[in-house]
Amino acid sequence: MVIVLAAASWITCAQEAKEANVASHAGAAPAGQKDPFVDPLDAPALVYARATGRPVMDVARAGTRIVAVGMRGLIIVSDDEGKSWRQVNVPVRSDLLALSFPTALEGWVVGHDGVVLHTADGGLSWQRQFDGRMAATTLASYYKAHIAAGNTALQPFLDQLTLNYRQGPSLPLLSVWFRDVQHGYAVGPFGMAIATEDGGKTWRPILDRFDNPQFLHLNAVFGQGDDIYVAAEKGTVFRLDSTSGKFIAINTGYAGSFFGITGNGGALFAFGLRGTIYRSADRGMTWLPLPGPMRGAVTGGAPLESRGELVFVTAAGEAVLYDEHGSSFRQMKTGPSSVLTAVLPLKAGELALMSLAGPAIASTR
C-alpha cells in the first residue's frame, strides 16, 4: 500500500464514505442500504446537486476558464474567476488528483486507477485515454519487446512494473505536465513514470530514464522554460538532462518528501512536509532551505507574476505570501480551517484556494 500518495490526497475512509452517502446519482440504494461496489473505471463520476463543497485536489487555468478536479471523478469549471462553478460529465469515478493545460482548449487530468483523461474543449467534455488496466499490459509489453531485442538492462524496470500492477490497476498517477499538446509526462508511486509524444494517444514507460534505483515515489512533475523537474521522496529532485535524456537525481539535503515544485522564472521552490520549502536559483542544481512560518505539509504553490511574490498553502489550512525581494513571509487569512490542496492566482489580485471543503476565494491584501 502506498503510504504517501501526495500530501493533497490524504483523505480518510470516513470522508470517502461521507462523499458516497451524500452524492446524488441515478440508481442510489435506498436509505439504510449500502450501494453495491462499482469499479471506478466502469462508472461515470457521481453527479452532485451542488458543485461546490466537495473535496477538490488541484486547479489550473484553461485560457479564461478555471478547471478544478477532485474526488470520485469530480471536475468543475468556472467562467467567472471562481465566483461560480458547475460540474461537467466525466467518464470515470476514480479520484482525480492533478491536471495540466498547455493551451486554453487542450488539457489532461490524472488520478487513481492510473487514469488519464483528455479534453479538447477547455474542460467541458472529457475522454479516457489511459488507465491502470491498459498500463498493466501495454507498458510491460513495451519493455518486454526491447528486452527480447537484446536490451536486457531494462529487466529491473519490467520487474518493477509487474510488481506495481500485481494487485490490479489501482496504482495512481499523482501528477501530469504537458510541454505542448503533443509532449507530456505523468508520474506516480514506486518510480512510476510514463510519457507521450502524440498527445496521449500512446503512452510509454520511462522508469529507465530516471536515476532512481530505489524506485522512490515520484510525487510531482513541473516544467519551467526548457527544464523539467520531478519532486520525489528523500529530499530528491530529478532534473531532465537534455543531452542524455535522463532524469538526474539531485540531493537537496532535505530528508523528507517533496510534494511539488513551483517557480517564478528566476528561481524554483520545492515544498514538502512540516512547512518545508527549498529554493534553487541555479535551475535546480543546488538547493537551500527557506525558513517560513508554516507548520503543515505544503500542498501547493504558485507565483503572483505581477507582484513578485509567491503563495503557498498547506494541509493545516495555512496560506502565506513570500516576497522574493524582501525574503519575507506574510500570513494570509483563509477563513474556516480546512485542508488546503492547491492555489491559483486570479486576475483581480485574489486567489482561488482549493480544499477538502471545495473551492473558495481569498484576498491577497
Protein backbone atom coordinates (compact mmCIF):
# COMPACT_ATOMS: atom_id res chain seq x y z
CA MET A 1 0.00 0.00 0.00
CA VAL A 2 1.26 3.45 -0.85
CA ILE A 3 1.52 5.43 2.39
CA VAL A 4 2.38 8.75 0.81
CA LEU A 5 0.50 9.29 -2.46
CA ALA A 6 0.79 13.06 -2.16
CA ALA A 7 0.03 15.45 0.66
CA ALA A 8 -3.11 16.59 -1.09
CA SER A 9 -4.59 13.09 -1.37
CA TRP A 10 -4.68 12.29 2.35
CA ILE A 11 -8.40 11.52 2.57
CA THR A 12 -9.73 9.29 5.33
CA CYS A 13 -12.07 6.36 4.75
CA ALA A 14 -14.69 8.22 6.74
CA GLN A 15 -14.51 11.16 4.33
CA GLU A 16 -14.84 8.78 1.38
CA ALA A 17 -17.91 7.17 2.94
CA LYS A 18 -19.47 10.56 3.57
CA GLU A 19 -18.97 11.52 -0.07
CA ALA A 20 -20.74 8.37 -1.22
CA ASN A 21 -23.68 8.84 1.10
CA VAL A 22 -24.44 12.44 0.15
CA ALA A 23 -23.92 12.01 -3.58
CA SER A 24 -26.91 12.48 -5.82
CA HIS A 25 -26.80 9.92 -8.62
CA ALA A 26 -29.12 7.61 -10.52
CA GLY A 27 -29.74 4.21 -9.03
CA ALA A 28 -28.69 5.07 -5.48
CA ALA A 29 -29.50 2.40 -2.93
CA PRO A 30 -32.48 3.00 -0.57
CA ALA A 31 -31.78 4.56 2.82
CA GLY A 32 -30.13 2.16 5.20
CA GLN A 33 -28.66 0.03 2.42
CA LYS A 34 -25.15 0.16 1.01
CA ASP A 35 -24.54 0.78 -2.67
CA PRO A 36 -23.13 -2.28 -4.44
CA PHE A 37 -19.46 -1.92 -5.34
CA VAL A 38 -18.82 -0.40 -8.74
CA ASP A 39 -15.31 -0.35 -10.17
CA PRO A 40 -14.44 3.38 -10.54
CA LEU A 41 -13.18 2.69 -14.05
CA ASP A 42 -16.55 1.27 -15.06
CA ALA A 43 -18.82 4.06 -13.80
CA PRO A 44 -19.17 7.76 -14.60
CA ALA A 45 -18.50 10.38 -11.96
CA LEU A 46 -21.11 10.96 -9.31
CA VAL A 47 -23.28 13.96 -10.16
CA TYR A 48 -23.92 16.33 -7.27
CA ALA A 49 -26.83 18.70 -6.82
CA ARG A 50 -24.30 21.32 -5.69
CA ALA A 51 -20.96 21.53 -7.49
CA THR A 52 -19.07 23.23 -4.67
CA GLY A 53 -18.46 21.86 -1.19
CA ARG A 54 -16.80 18.68 -2.48
CA PRO A 55 -13.11 17.83 -1.96
CA VAL A 56 -11.00 19.43 -4.70
CA MET A 57 -7.38 18.35 -5.21
CA ASP A 58 -5.94 20.57 -7.96
CA VAL A 59 -6.76 23.54 -10.17
CA ALA A 60 -5.46 25.05 -13.41
CA ARG A 61 -6.29 27.80 -15.86
CA ALA A 62 -7.57 26.93 -19.34
CA GLY A 63 -7.50 30.33 -21.04
CA THR A 64 -10.19 32.43 -19.37
CA ARG A 65 -11.74 29.33 -17.78
CA ILE A 66 -10.67 27.72 -14.48
CA VAL A 67 -10.82 23.93 -14.15
CA ALA A 68 -10.59 22.01 -10.86
CA VAL A 69 -10.54 18.26 -10.16
CA GLY A 70 -11.33 16.17 -7.13
CA MET A 71 -12.66 13.03 -5.53
CA ARG A 72 -14.87 10.43 -7.24
CA GLY A 73 -14.31 11.82 -10.72
CA LEU A 74 -15.26 15.38 -9.85
CA ILE A 75 -14.39 18.05 -12.43
CA ILE A 76 -15.81 21.54 -12.02
CA VAL A 77 -15.30 24.64 -14.17
CA SER A 78 -15.66 28.37 -13.61
CA ASP A 79 -16.01 31.06 -16.28
CA ASP A 80 -16.17 33.99 -13.86
CA GLU A 81 -12.83 33.77 -12.00
CA GLY A 82 -14.05 31.34 -9.35
CA LYS A 83 -17.22 33.15 -8.32
CA SER A 84 -19.42 30.28 -9.50
CA TRP A 85 -18.76 26.68 -10.54
CA ARG A 86 -20.55 23.97 -12.48
CA GLN A 87 -19.85 20.27 -12.70
CA VAL A 88 -19.15 18.59 -16.05
CA ASN A 89 -19.61 14.96 -17.06
CA VAL A 90 -16.64 12.63 -16.54
CA PRO A 91 -16.46 9.01 -17.77
CA VAL A 92 -14.83 7.56 -14.62
CA ARG A 93 -15.44 7.65 -10.86
CA SER A 94 -11.76 7.45 -9.92
CA ASP A 95 -10.34 10.11 -7.60
CA LEU A 96 -8.67 12.78 -9.73
CA LEU A 97 -5.52 14.41 -8.39
CA ALA A 98 -3.82 16.69 -10.93
CA LEU A 99 -4.23 18.42 -14.28
CA SER A 100 -2.28 20.31 -16.94
CA PHE A 101 -3.44 22.68 -19.69
CA PRO A 102 -0.71 23.60 -22.20
CA THR A 103 -3.33 25.58 -24.18
CA ALA A 104 -6.76 27.05 -23.49
CA LEU A 105 -8.51 24.07 -25.11
CA GLU A 106 -6.26 21.02 -24.67
CA GLY A 107 -5.86 19.59 -21.18
CA TRP A 108 -5.10 16.37 -19.31
CA VAL A 109 -6.13 15.02 -15.89
CA VAL A 110 -4.62 12.09 -13.95
CA GLY A 111 -5.58 10.22 -10.80
CA HIS A 112 -6.24 6.93 -9.09
CA ASP A 113 -6.51 3.69 -11.06
CA GLY A 114 -3.81 5.07 -13.37
CA VAL A 115 -6.42 7.08 -15.22
CA VAL A 116 -5.54 9.73 -17.83
CA LEU A 117 -8.37 11.93 -19.17
CA HIS A 118 -8.18 14.38 -22.07
CA THR A 119 -10.24 17.39 -23.13
CA ALA A 120 -10.12 19.29 -26.40
CA ASP A 121 -12.72 21.94 -25.49
CA GLY A 122 -11.31 23.64 -22.41
CA GLY A 123 -12.59 21.12 -19.88
CA LEU A 124 -16.26 20.92 -20.86
CA SER A 125 -16.05 17.29 -22.01
CA TRP A 126 -13.58 14.52 -21.20
CA GLN A 127 -12.45 11.25 -22.76
CA ARG A 128 -10.41 8.48 -21.20
CA GLN A 129 -7.03 7.99 -22.90
CA PHE A 130 -5.32 5.58 -20.50
CA ASP A 131 -5.84 3.71 -17.23
CA GLY A 132 -4.29 1.09 -14.98
CA ARG A 133 -5.79 -1.79 -16.91
CA MET A 134 -4.14 -0.62 -20.11
CA ALA A 135 -0.92 0.15 -18.25
CA ALA A 136 -0.57 -3.36 -16.86
CA THR A 137 -0.34 -4.76 -20.38
CA THR A 138 0.92 -2.06 -22.74
CA LEU A 139 3.72 -0.74 -20.53
CA ALA A 140 5.00 -4.23 -19.75
CA SER A 141 4.80 -5.15 -23.42
CA TYR A 142 6.97 -2.15 -24.29
CA TYR A 143 9.78 -3.34 -22.02
CA LYS A 144 9.35 -6.99 -22.99
CA ALA A 145 9.79 -6.15 -26.68
CA HIS A 146 13.00 -4.24 -26.01
CA ILE A 147 14.36 -6.95 -23.73
CA ALA A 148 13.64 -9.59 -26.37
CA ALA A 149 15.56 -7.43 -28.86
CA GLY A 150 18.62 -7.60 -26.61
CA ASN A 151 18.29 -4.70 -24.17
CA THR A 152 18.44 -6.84 -21.03
CA ALA A 153 19.30 -3.78 -18.89
CA LEU A 154 15.57 -3.00 -18.89
CA GLN A 155 14.70 -6.14 -16.90
CA PRO A 156 14.64 -4.40 -13.45
CA PHE A 157 12.13 -1.87 -14.79
CA LEU A 158 9.90 -4.60 -16.18
CA ASP A 159 10.10 -6.35 -12.80
CA GLN A 160 9.04 -3.14 -11.02
CA LEU A 161 6.12 -2.61 -13.39
CA THR A 162 4.99 -6.18 -12.80
CA LEU A 163 5.16 -5.59 -9.04
CA ASN A 164 3.28 -2.30 -9.31
CA TYR A 165 0.33 -3.92 -11.06
CA ARG A 166 0.32 -7.26 -9.24
CA GLN A 167 -2.72 -6.22 -7.20
CA GLY A 168 -4.64 -4.77 -10.14
CA PRO A 169 -4.95 -1.37 -11.83
CA SER A 170 -5.31 0.81 -8.72
CA LEU A 171 -1.82 2.42 -8.75
CA PRO A 172 -2.42 6.19 -9.06
CA LEU A 173 -0.78 8.78 -11.24
CA LEU A 174 -0.10 11.72 -8.94
CA SER A 175 0.93 14.46 -11.34
CA VAL A 176 0.89 15.40 -15.01
CA TRP A 177 2.61 18.10 -17.06
CA PHE A 178 2.47 18.84 -20.79
CA ARG A 179 5.08 20.96 -22.56
CA ASP A 180 2.70 21.36 -25.53
CA VAL A 181 -0.26 19.47 -26.99
CA GLN A 182 1.95 16.57 -28.07
CA HIS A 183 4.58 16.06 -25.35
CA GLY A 184 3.61 15.17 -21.79
CA TYR A 185 4.69 13.31 -18.66
CA ALA A 186 2.86 11.69 -15.75
CA VAL A 187 4.39 10.29 -12.55
CA GLY A 188 3.38 8.27 -9.52
CA PRO A 189 4.43 5.97 -6.66
CA PHE A 190 7.17 3.34 -6.80
CA GLY A 191 9.08 5.12 -9.55
CA MET A 192 6.10 5.15 -11.90
CA ALA A 193 6.66 7.41 -14.91
CA ILE A 194 5.12 7.50 -18.38
CA ALA A 195 5.48 9.83 -21.36
CA THR A 196 3.69 10.60 -24.61
CA GLU A 197 4.81 12.26 -27.83
CA ASP A 198 1.45 12.14 -29.63
CA GLY A 199 -0.94 13.97 -27.33
CA GLY A 200 -1.71 10.95 -25.17
CA LYS A 201 -2.78 8.61 -27.96
CA THR A 202 0.03 6.31 -26.80
CA TRP A 203 2.00 6.27 -23.56
CA ARG A 204 5.31 4.53 -22.93
CA PRO A 205 7.08 3.72 -19.66
CA ILE A 206 10.15 5.83 -18.80
CA LEU A 207 11.16 4.33 -15.46
CA ASP A 208 14.52 3.56 -17.07
CA ARG A 209 15.14 7.26 -17.77
CA PHE A 210 15.29 8.07 -14.04
CA ASP A 211 18.37 7.79 -11.84
CA ASN A 212 16.11 6.06 -9.32
CA PRO A 213 17.37 2.58 -8.34
CA GLN A 214 15.21 2.58 -5.20
CA PHE A 215 12.07 3.39 -7.24
CA LEU A 216 11.27 6.34 -4.99
CA HIS A 217 7.75 7.76 -5.17
CA LEU A 218 7.56 10.47 -7.83
CA ASN A 219 5.09 13.00 -6.44
CA ALA A 220 5.01 15.87 -8.94
CA VAL A 221 6.30 16.87 -12.37
CA PHE A 222 6.86 20.54 -13.24
CA GLY A 223 8.29 22.39 -16.20
CA GLN A 224 9.87 25.84 -16.32
CA GLY A 225 11.36 27.16 -19.51
CA ASP A 226 13.16 24.31 -21.24
CA ASP A 227 13.67 22.38 -17.98
CA ILE A 228 11.60 19.58 -16.46
CA TYR A 229 11.74 18.63 -12.78
CA VAL A 230 10.21 15.86 -10.67
CA ALA A 231 9.70 16.14 -6.90
CA ALA A 232 10.22 12.89 -5.00
CA GLU A 233 10.90 11.19 -1.68
CA LYS A 234 14.03 11.51 0.48
CA GLY A 235 14.65 15.12 -0.45
CA THR A 236 15.23 14.19 -4.08
CA VAL A 237 14.53 16.39 -7.08
CA PHE A 238 15.05 14.89 -10.53
CA ARG A 239 16.10 17.21 -13.37
CA LEU A 240 15.91 16.21 -17.03
CA ASP A 241 19.29 16.32 -18.73
CA SER A 242 18.57 17.30 -22.33
CA THR A 243 21.78 15.74 -23.64
CA SER A 244 21.31 12.23 -22.25
CA GLY A 245 17.50 12.31 -21.99
CA LYS A 246 17.85 11.06 -18.40
CA PHE A 247 16.31 12.45 -15.23
CA ILE A 248 19.29 13.04 -12.95
CA ALA A 249 18.78 12.78 -9.17
CA ILE A 250 19.76 15.85 -7.16
CA ASN A 251 20.08 15.55 -3.39
CA THR A 252 18.79 18.77 -1.85
CA GLY A 253 19.90 17.97 1.70
CA TYR A 254 16.31 17.51 2.87
CA ALA A 255 15.41 14.13 4.40
CA GLY A 256 11.65 14.19 3.83
CA SER A 257 9.31 14.03 0.84
CA PHE A 258 8.76 16.82 -1.63
CA PHE A 259 5.15 17.07 -2.82
CA GLY A 260 5.54 19.69 -5.52
CA ILE A 261 7.63 22.32 -7.28
CA THR A 262 6.77 25.80 -8.49
CA GLY A 263 8.78 28.67 -9.90
CA ASN A 264 8.69 32.34 -10.77
CA GLY A 265 11.08 32.33 -13.70
CA GLY A 266 14.09 33.33 -11.64
CA ALA A 267 14.00 30.59 -9.02
CA LEU A 268 12.49 27.21 -8.18
CA PHE A 269 10.72 26.23 -4.97
CA ALA A 270 10.27 22.60 -3.87
CA PHE A 271 7.89 22.05 -0.97
CA GLY A 272 7.11 19.22 1.42
CA LEU A 273 6.33 18.17 4.99
CA ARG A 274 6.06 20.43 8.04
CA GLY A 275 6.17 23.70 6.15
CA THR A 276 9.32 22.76 4.28
CA ILE A 277 10.32 24.90 1.28
CA TYR A 278 13.67 24.65 -0.52
CA ARG A 279 14.80 27.25 -3.08
CA SER A 280 17.11 26.92 -6.07
CA ALA A 281 18.49 29.88 -8.02
CA ASP A 282 20.54 27.78 -10.50
CA ARG A 283 17.89 25.73 -12.32
CA GLY A 284 17.73 23.03 -9.70
CA MET A 285 21.40 22.20 -9.37
CA THR A 286 21.70 23.33 -5.74
CA TRP A 287 19.04 23.96 -3.09
CA LEU A 288 18.81 25.84 0.21
CA PRO A 289 16.05 25.73 2.85
CA LEU A 290 13.72 28.71 3.05
CA PRO A 291 12.62 29.25 6.67
CA GLY A 292 8.93 30.02 6.83
CA PRO A 293 6.05 30.25 9.32
CA MET A 294 4.05 27.23 8.08
CA ARG A 295 3.57 24.14 10.22
CA GLY A 296 1.50 21.89 7.95
CA ALA A 297 2.61 19.94 4.88
CA VAL A 298 2.91 22.37 1.96
CA THR A 299 0.48 21.12 -0.67
CA GLY A 300 0.57 23.83 -3.32
CA GLY A 301 2.35 26.92 -4.53
CA ALA A 302 2.17 29.43 -7.35
CA PRO A 303 3.83 32.70 -8.42
CA LEU A 304 1.98 36.02 -8.43
CA GLU A 305 3.71 37.31 -11.54
CA SER A 306 2.55 40.92 -11.32
CA ARG A 307 3.68 41.34 -7.70
CA GLY A 308 6.98 39.48 -7.50
CA GLU A 309 5.56 37.21 -4.81
CA LEU A 310 4.66 33.54 -4.43
CA VAL A 311 1.82 31.97 -2.49
CA PHE A 312 2.00 28.64 -0.65
CA VAL A 313 -0.81 26.66 1.02
CA THR A 314 -0.73 23.79 3.49
CA ALA A 315 -2.70 20.81 4.73
CA ALA A 316 -3.14 22.71 8.01
CA GLY A 317 -5.21 25.38 6.28
CA GLU A 318 -2.40 27.94 6.15
CA ALA A 319 -1.74 30.31 3.25
CA VAL A 320 1.31 32.58 3.09
CA LEU A 321 2.76 35.08 0.65
CA TYR A 322 6.52 35.06 0.09
CA ASP A 323 8.21 38.26 -1.08
CA GLU A 324 11.34 37.37 -3.07
CA HIS A 325 12.73 40.91 -2.80
CA GLY A 326 12.48 41.11 0.96
CA SER A 327 12.89 37.37 1.62
CA SER A 328 9.90 37.61 3.95
CA PHE A 329 6.65 35.73 4.56
CA ARG A 330 3.22 37.19 5.27
CA GLN A 331 0.39 35.07 6.68
CA MET A 332 -2.99 35.31 4.94
CA LYS A 333 -6.49 34.93 6.34
CA THR A 334 -8.12 31.85 4.81
CA GLY A 335 -11.46 31.67 6.63
CA PRO A 336 -12.70 28.45 8.27
CA SER A 337 -9.90 25.93 8.73
CA SER A 338 -9.72 23.20 6.09
CA VAL A 339 -7.07 21.09 4.40
CA LEU A 340 -5.86 23.28 1.53
CA THR A 341 -4.76 21.33 -1.52
CA ALA A 342 -3.90 23.82 -4.29
CA VAL A 343 -3.90 27.52 -5.15
CA LEU A 344 -4.37 29.58 -8.33
CA PRO A 345 -3.86 33.35 -8.72
CA LEU A 346 -6.90 35.16 -10.11
CA LYS A 347 -6.95 38.15 -12.43
CA ALA A 348 -8.34 40.57 -9.85
CA GLY A 349 -5.41 40.03 -7.50
CA GLU A 350 -7.30 37.41 -5.49
CA LEU A 351 -6.58 33.72 -5.04
CA ALA A 352 -8.63 30.61 -5.73
CA LEU A 353 -7.99 28.25 -2.83
CA MET A 354 -8.79 24.56 -3.29
CA SER A 355 -9.54 22.41 -0.25
CA LEU A 356 -11.33 19.35 1.06
CA ALA A 357 -14.29 21.71 1.62
CA GLY A 358 -14.28 22.82 -2.02
CA PRO A 359 -13.09 26.00 -3.78
CA ALA A 360 -13.01 29.45 -2.18
CA ILE A 361 -11.69 32.90 -2.97
CA ALA A 362 -9.25 34.75 -0.72
CA SER A 363 -7.83 38.25 -0.88
CA THR A 364 -4.07 38.83 -1.02
CA ARG A 365 -4.41 42.12 0.86
